Amino acid sequence: MQMMSSKEDTAVDFTLCPRLEQTFSFLGKKWNGLIIDVLLEEGPQRFRDLAHKVPRCSDRVLVERLKELEQNGVIIRKTYPDNALIEYELTQKGSEFREVMAAVHAWSDKWSCPIEEAESQN
């Protein structure tokens, strides 16, 4: 956010910082926040476990999101020597979402109503 410097014009320029915009776009992408939240709460997960914990996300979309999260350095895909076990785990970068996700949970607990309740109010 940039402040206007003129004495006559004291308006604030609310142009988003590109990094903030990129972060909100990334976190706002459907399923990314939930995948990160599961990994924060449950630790490393196999694909089928993640799919079970994010049930409304199709396998195809989950694969896409996991690849994107890996490309962004938020998770790592660990393959074990016998190739029978593949796990997804947060990197340090991904783990640093812990406080952000806690704040989102606190805000939503205070201000968001369940979907069913919101639909009945319409």
N, C-alpha and C. Protein backbone atom coordinates (compact mmCIF):
# COMPACT_ATOMS: atom_id res chain seq x y z
N MET A 1 0.85 -1.16 0.00
CA MET A 1 0.00 0.00 0.00
C MET A 1 0.89 1.22 0.00
N GLN A 2 0.60 2.17 -0.87
CA GLN A 2 1.41 3.37 -0.97
C GLN A 2 0.60 4.58 -0.57
N MET A 3 1.24 5.52 0.13
CA MET A 3 0.59 6.76 0.54
C MET A 3 0.87 7.83 -0.51
N MET A 4 -0.12 8.67 -0.78
CA MET A 4 0.06 9.80 -1.68
C MET A 4 0.84 10.87 -0.91
N SER A 5 1.79 11.54 -1.54
CA SER A 5 2.65 12.47 -0.82
C SER A 5 2.19 13.92 -0.89
N SER A 6 1.27 14.23 -1.73
CA SER A 6 0.81 15.60 -1.88
C SER A 6 0.01 16.05 -0.66
N LYS A 7 0.24 17.35 -0.22
CA LYS A 7 -0.50 17.88 0.92
C LYS A 7 -1.98 18.03 0.58
N GLU A 8 -2.27 18.34 -0.67
CA GLU A 8 -3.65 18.56 -1.09
C GLU A 8 -4.41 17.25 -1.23
N ASP A 9 -3.73 16.21 -1.63
CA ASP A 9 -4.39 14.94 -1.89
C ASP A 9 -3.89 13.92 -0.86
N THR A 10 -4.70 13.65 0.15
CA THR A 10 -4.29 12.74 1.21
C THR A 10 -4.89 11.35 1.04
N ALA A 11 -5.41 11.05 -0.14
CA ALA A 11 -5.99 9.73 -0.40
C ALA A 11 -4.92 8.66 -0.35
N VAL A 12 -5.33 7.47 -0.02
CA VAL A 12 -4.42 6.33 0.05
C VAL A 12 -4.58 5.52 -1.23
N ASP A 13 -3.46 5.15 -1.83
CA ASP A 13 -3.48 4.29 -3.01
C ASP A 13 -3.45 2.84 -2.52
N PHE A 14 -4.55 2.13 -2.73
CA PHE A 14 -4.65 0.77 -2.23
C PHE A 14 -4.22 -0.27 -3.26
N THR A 15 -3.23 0.04 -4.05
CA THR A 15 -2.69 -0.92 -5.00
C THR A 15 -2.07 -2.06 -4.20
N LEU A 16 -2.46 -3.26 -4.55
CA LEU A 16 -1.93 -4.41 -3.83
C LEU A 16 -0.47 -4.64 -4.14
N CYS A 17 0.25 -5.01 -3.13
CA CYS A 17 1.63 -5.45 -3.30
C CYS A 17 1.57 -6.74 -4.14
N PRO A 18 2.39 -6.86 -5.17
CA PRO A 18 2.36 -8.07 -6.01
C PRO A 18 2.55 -9.36 -5.21
N ARG A 19 3.37 -9.33 -4.18
CA ARG A 19 3.60 -10.54 -3.37
C ARG A 19 2.35 -10.91 -2.58
N LEU A 20 1.66 -9.91 -2.03
CA LEU A 20 0.43 -10.17 -1.29
C LEU A 20 -0.64 -10.72 -2.23
N GLU A 21 -0.74 -10.13 -3.40
CA GLU A 21 -1.71 -10.59 -4.39
C GLU A 21 -1.41 -12.04 -4.81
N GLN A 22 -0.15 -12.34 -5.03
CA GLN A 22 0.25 -13.69 -5.41
C GLN A 22 -0.06 -14.69 -4.29
N THR A 23 0.19 -14.30 -3.04
CA THR A 23 -0.07 -15.18 -1.91
C THR A 23 -1.56 -15.47 -1.76
N PHE A 24 -2.40 -14.43 -1.86
CA PHE A 24 -3.84 -14.66 -1.75
C PHE A 24 -4.36 -15.50 -2.91
N SER A 25 -3.82 -15.29 -4.08
CA SER A 25 -4.22 -16.08 -5.23
C SER A 25 -3.85 -17.55 -5.02
N PHE A 26 -2.67 -17.78 -4.49
CA PHE A 26 -2.17 -19.13 -4.22
C PHE A 26 -3.01 -19.83 -3.15
N LEU A 27 -3.22 -19.15 -2.02
CA LEU A 27 -3.98 -19.74 -0.93
C LEU A 27 -5.46 -19.86 -1.26
N GLY A 28 -5.95 -18.96 -2.10
CA GLY A 28 -7.35 -18.96 -2.46
C GLY A 28 -7.71 -19.98 -3.52
N LYS A 29 -6.71 -20.59 -4.12
CA LYS A 29 -6.98 -21.60 -5.13
C LYS A 29 -7.63 -22.81 -4.46
N LYS A 30 -8.73 -23.24 -5.03
CA LYS A 30 -9.52 -24.28 -4.39
C LYS A 30 -8.66 -25.49 -4.03
N TRP A 31 -8.78 -25.91 -2.81
CA TRP A 31 -8.17 -27.08 -2.18
C TRP A 31 -6.79 -26.81 -1.61
N ASN A 32 -6.05 -25.80 -2.06
CA ASN A 32 -4.70 -25.58 -1.55
C ASN A 32 -4.69 -25.38 -0.03
N GLY A 33 -5.56 -24.51 0.46
CA GLY A 33 -5.61 -24.25 1.90
C GLY A 33 -5.93 -25.49 2.70
N LEU A 34 -6.88 -26.28 2.21
CA LEU A 34 -7.27 -27.50 2.93
C LEU A 34 -6.14 -28.54 2.92
N ILE A 35 -5.46 -28.67 1.80
CA ILE A 35 -4.33 -29.61 1.72
C ILE A 35 -3.25 -29.19 2.70
N ILE A 36 -2.92 -27.91 2.72
CA ILE A 36 -1.91 -27.40 3.65
C ILE A 36 -2.36 -27.64 5.09
N ASP A 37 -3.63 -27.37 5.36
CA ASP A 37 -4.17 -27.54 6.71
C ASP A 37 -4.07 -29.00 7.16
N VAL A 38 -4.40 -29.94 6.28
CA VAL A 38 -4.30 -31.37 6.62
C VAL A 38 -2.85 -31.72 6.94
N LEU A 39 -1.92 -31.26 6.13
CA LEU A 39 -0.51 -31.58 6.37
C LEU A 39 0.01 -30.92 7.64
N LEU A 40 -0.50 -29.73 7.96
CA LEU A 40 -0.11 -29.08 9.21
C LEU A 40 -0.63 -29.86 10.42
N GLU A 41 -1.85 -30.33 10.34
CA GLU A 41 -2.48 -31.00 11.48
C GLU A 41 -2.10 -32.48 11.60
N GLU A 42 -1.92 -33.14 10.47
CA GLU A 42 -1.73 -34.60 10.48
C GLU A 42 -0.31 -35.05 10.15
N GLY A 43 0.54 -34.14 9.68
CA GLY A 43 1.90 -34.53 9.30
C GLY A 43 1.92 -35.16 7.92
N PRO A 44 3.04 -35.80 7.56
CA PRO A 44 3.18 -36.41 6.23
C PRO A 44 2.03 -37.36 5.92
N GLN A 45 1.59 -37.33 4.65
CA GLN A 45 0.44 -38.14 4.23
C GLN A 45 0.71 -38.82 2.91
N ARG A 46 0.18 -40.02 2.78
CA ARG A 46 0.17 -40.70 1.49
C ARG A 46 -0.97 -40.11 0.67
N PHE A 47 -0.91 -40.29 -0.64
CA PHE A 47 -1.93 -39.74 -1.53
C PHE A 47 -3.32 -40.20 -1.12
N ARG A 48 -3.49 -41.49 -0.90
CA ARG A 48 -4.83 -42.00 -0.59
C ARG A 48 -5.36 -41.42 0.72
N ASP A 49 -4.46 -41.14 1.68
CA ASP A 49 -4.89 -40.53 2.94
C ASP A 49 -5.34 -39.08 2.72
N LEU A 50 -4.58 -38.37 1.91
CA LEU A 50 -4.99 -36.99 1.58
C LEU A 50 -6.32 -37.00 0.84
N ALA A 51 -6.47 -37.92 -0.11
CA ALA A 51 -7.72 -38.01 -0.87
C ALA A 51 -8.90 -38.30 0.05
N HIS A 52 -8.67 -39.10 1.07
CA HIS A 52 -9.72 -39.43 2.04
C HIS A 52 -10.08 -38.20 2.89
N LYS A 53 -9.07 -37.39 3.22
CA LYS A 53 -9.28 -36.23 4.10
C LYS A 53 -9.77 -34.99 3.34
N VAL A 54 -9.66 -35.03 2.02
CA VAL A 54 -10.18 -33.95 1.15
C VAL A 54 -11.13 -34.63 0.16
N PRO A 55 -12.23 -35.19 0.64
CA PRO A 55 -13.06 -36.08 -0.17
C PRO A 55 -13.77 -35.45 -1.36
N ARG A 56 -14.05 -34.17 -1.32
CA ARG A 56 -14.77 -33.56 -2.43
C ARG A 56 -13.85 -33.14 -3.58
N CYS A 57 -12.56 -33.32 -3.39
CA CYS A 57 -11.57 -33.01 -4.43
C CYS A 57 -11.32 -34.29 -5.24
N SER A 58 -11.46 -34.20 -6.56
CA SER A 58 -11.22 -35.39 -7.38
C SER A 58 -9.73 -35.74 -7.35
N ASP A 59 -9.43 -36.99 -7.65
CA ASP A 59 -8.03 -37.43 -7.66
C ASP A 59 -7.22 -36.61 -8.67
N ARG A 60 -7.81 -36.33 -9.84
CA ARG A 60 -7.11 -35.57 -10.87
C ARG A 60 -6.73 -34.18 -10.36
N VAL A 61 -7.66 -33.50 -9.72
CA VAL A 61 -7.40 -32.15 -9.20
C VAL A 61 -6.42 -32.22 -8.04
N LEU A 62 -6.53 -33.23 -7.18
CA LEU A 62 -5.59 -33.37 -6.07
C LEU A 62 -4.17 -33.54 -6.58
N VAL A 63 -4.00 -34.34 -7.63
CA VAL A 63 -2.67 -34.52 -8.24
C VAL A 63 -2.15 -33.17 -8.74
N GLU A 64 -3.00 -32.40 -9.41
CA GLU A 64 -2.60 -31.08 -9.93
C GLU A 64 -2.17 -30.15 -8.79
N ARG A 65 -2.98 -30.11 -7.73
CA ARG A 65 -2.67 -29.22 -6.61
C ARG A 65 -1.38 -29.63 -5.92
N LEU A 66 -1.19 -30.93 -5.74
CA LEU A 66 0.04 -31.40 -5.09
C LEU A 66 1.27 -31.03 -5.93
N LYS A 67 1.16 -31.15 -7.25
CA LYS A 67 2.27 -30.75 -8.12
C LYS A 67 2.54 -29.26 -8.01
N GLU A 68 1.49 -28.45 -7.98
CA GLU A 68 1.65 -27.00 -7.84
C GLU A 68 2.29 -26.64 -6.50
N LEU A 69 1.81 -27.29 -5.44
CA LEU A 69 2.38 -27.02 -4.11
C LEU A 69 3.85 -27.43 -4.07
N GLU A 70 4.18 -28.51 -4.73
CA GLU A 70 5.58 -28.95 -4.79
C GLU A 70 6.42 -27.96 -5.61
N GLN A 71 5.91 -27.52 -6.74
CA GLN A 71 6.62 -26.56 -7.59
C GLN A 71 6.85 -25.23 -6.87
N ASN A 72 5.92 -24.87 -5.97
CA ASN A 72 6.03 -23.63 -5.21
C ASN A 72 6.86 -23.79 -3.94
N GLY A 73 7.39 -24.99 -3.72
CA GLY A 73 8.26 -25.22 -2.57
C GLY A 73 7.53 -25.33 -1.24
N VAL A 74 6.22 -25.59 -1.28
CA VAL A 74 5.42 -25.68 -0.06
C VAL A 74 5.41 -27.11 0.48
N ILE A 75 5.45 -28.09 -0.41
CA ILE A 75 5.51 -29.49 0.01
C ILE A 75 6.64 -30.18 -0.73
N ILE A 76 7.02 -31.33 -0.20
CA ILE A 76 7.95 -32.21 -0.91
C ILE A 76 7.27 -33.56 -1.06
N ARG A 77 7.59 -34.21 -2.13
CA ARG A 77 7.09 -35.56 -2.40
C ARG A 77 8.24 -36.50 -2.09
N LYS A 78 8.07 -37.31 -1.06
CA LYS A 78 9.12 -38.23 -0.64
C LYS A 78 8.83 -39.62 -1.19
N THR A 79 9.79 -40.14 -1.91
CA THR A 79 9.69 -41.51 -2.44
C THR A 79 10.70 -42.36 -1.68
N TYR A 80 10.25 -43.45 -1.14
CA TYR A 80 11.12 -44.32 -0.37
C TYR A 80 11.77 -45.34 -1.29
N PRO A 81 12.91 -45.93 -0.88
CA PRO A 81 13.71 -46.80 -1.75
C PRO A 81 12.95 -47.91 -2.47
N ASP A 82 11.98 -48.52 -1.84
CA ASP A 82 11.28 -49.61 -2.51
C ASP A 82 10.16 -49.11 -3.43
N ASN A 83 10.00 -47.80 -3.54
CA ASN A 83 8.99 -47.15 -4.39
C ASN A 83 7.55 -47.52 -4.04
N ALA A 84 7.36 -48.28 -2.99
CA ALA A 84 6.00 -48.66 -2.60
C ALA A 84 5.34 -47.57 -1.76
N LEU A 85 6.13 -46.68 -1.21
CA LEU A 85 5.60 -45.65 -0.33
C LEU A 85 5.99 -44.26 -0.83
N ILE A 86 4.99 -43.44 -1.09
CA ILE A 86 5.20 -42.04 -1.47
C ILE A 86 4.41 -41.21 -0.48
N GLU A 87 5.07 -40.23 0.12
CA GLU A 87 4.41 -39.35 1.07
C GLU A 87 4.60 -37.90 0.66
N TYR A 88 3.65 -37.08 1.06
CA TYR A 88 3.72 -35.63 0.86
C TYR A 88 3.89 -34.99 2.22
N GLU A 89 4.85 -34.07 2.29
CA GLU A 89 5.20 -33.45 3.56
C GLU A 89 5.45 -31.96 3.33
N LEU A 90 5.11 -31.15 4.32
CA LEU A 90 5.37 -29.72 4.21
C LEU A 90 6.86 -29.43 4.32
N THR A 91 7.31 -28.46 3.56
CA THR A 91 8.68 -27.96 3.70
C THR A 91 8.66 -26.91 4.82
N GLN A 92 9.79 -26.31 5.12
CA GLN A 92 9.82 -25.24 6.10
C GLN A 92 8.92 -24.09 5.63
N LYS A 93 8.98 -23.79 4.34
CA LYS A 93 8.12 -22.75 3.77
C LYS A 93 6.65 -23.07 4.01
N GLY A 94 6.26 -24.32 3.79
CA GLY A 94 4.88 -24.73 4.00
C GLY A 94 4.50 -24.72 5.47
N SER A 95 5.42 -25.13 6.34
CA SER A 95 5.15 -25.15 7.78
C SER A 95 4.92 -23.76 8.34
N GLU A 96 5.47 -22.76 7.67
CA GLU A 96 5.30 -21.39 8.15
C GLU A 96 3.90 -20.84 7.90
N PHE A 97 3.03 -21.64 7.27
CA PHE A 97 1.62 -21.27 7.14
C PHE A 97 0.85 -21.55 8.43
N ARG A 98 1.47 -22.18 9.41
CA ARG A 98 0.77 -22.58 10.63
C ARG A 98 0.04 -21.41 11.29
N GLU A 99 0.72 -20.30 11.50
CA GLU A 99 0.09 -19.14 12.15
C GLU A 99 -1.00 -18.54 11.28
N VAL A 100 -0.77 -18.51 9.98
CA VAL A 100 -1.77 -17.99 9.04
C VAL A 100 -3.04 -18.84 9.11
N MET A 101 -2.88 -20.15 9.07
CA MET A 101 -4.03 -21.05 9.10
C MET A 101 -4.74 -20.96 10.45
N ALA A 102 -3.99 -20.81 11.54
CA ALA A 102 -4.63 -20.65 12.86
C ALA A 102 -5.46 -19.38 12.89
N ALA A 103 -4.95 -18.31 12.30
CA ALA A 103 -5.70 -17.05 12.27
C ALA A 103 -6.95 -17.18 11.39
N VAL A 104 -6.84 -17.89 10.28
CA VAL A 104 -8.00 -18.11 9.40
C VAL A 104 -9.05 -18.94 10.14
N HIS A 105 -8.62 -19.97 10.85
CA HIS A 105 -9.56 -20.79 11.63
C HIS A 105 -10.26 -19.94 12.69
N ALA A 106 -9.50 -19.12 13.41
CA ALA A 106 -10.09 -18.28 14.45
C ALA A 106 -11.10 -17.31 13.85
N TRP A 107 -10.74 -16.69 12.74
CA TRP A 107 -11.65 -15.74 12.09
C TRP A 107 -12.91 -16.45 11.63
N SER A 108 -12.76 -17.60 10.97
CA SER A 108 -13.93 -18.31 10.45
C SER A 108 -14.81 -18.84 11.58
N ASP A 109 -14.22 -19.26 12.70
CA ASP A 109 -15.01 -19.71 13.84
C ASP A 109 -15.86 -18.56 14.38
N LYS A 110 -15.31 -17.36 14.34
CA LYS A 110 -16.02 -16.20 14.88
C LYS A 110 -17.05 -15.64 13.90
N TRP A 111 -16.72 -15.60 12.60
CA TRP A 111 -17.53 -14.83 11.67
C TRP A 111 -18.26 -15.63 10.60
N SER A 112 -17.84 -16.84 10.32
CA SER A 112 -18.48 -17.61 9.25
C SER A 112 -19.53 -18.54 9.82
N CYS A 113 -20.64 -18.62 9.11
CA CYS A 113 -21.65 -19.58 9.52
C CYS A 113 -21.55 -20.78 8.58
N PRO A 114 -22.01 -21.94 9.03
CA PRO A 114 -21.97 -23.13 8.16
C PRO A 114 -22.72 -22.88 6.86
N ILE A 115 -22.32 -23.57 5.80
CA ILE A 115 -22.93 -23.40 4.48
C ILE A 115 -24.43 -23.62 4.54
N GLU A 116 -24.86 -24.64 5.25
CA GLU A 116 -26.29 -24.93 5.34
C GLU A 116 -27.05 -23.74 5.93
N GLU A 117 -26.46 -23.13 6.96
CA GLU A 117 -27.09 -21.99 7.61
C GLU A 117 -27.13 -20.79 6.68
N ALA A 118 -26.05 -20.56 5.93
CA ALA A 118 -26.01 -19.44 4.98
C ALA A 118 -27.04 -19.62 3.88
N GLU A 119 -27.19 -20.87 3.40
CA GLU A 119 -28.15 -21.14 2.33
C GLU A 119 -29.59 -20.94 2.82
N SER A 120 -29.85 -21.26 4.08
CA SER A 120 -31.21 -21.12 4.60
C SER A 120 -31.57 -19.65 4.83
N GLN A 121 -30.56 -18.77 4.95
CA GLN A 121 -30.81 -17.34 5.15
C GLN A 121 -31.14 -16.65 3.83
N ASN A 122 -30.85 -17.29 2.71
CA ASN A 122 -31.12 -16.67 1.40
C ASN A 122 -32.52 -16.88 0.96
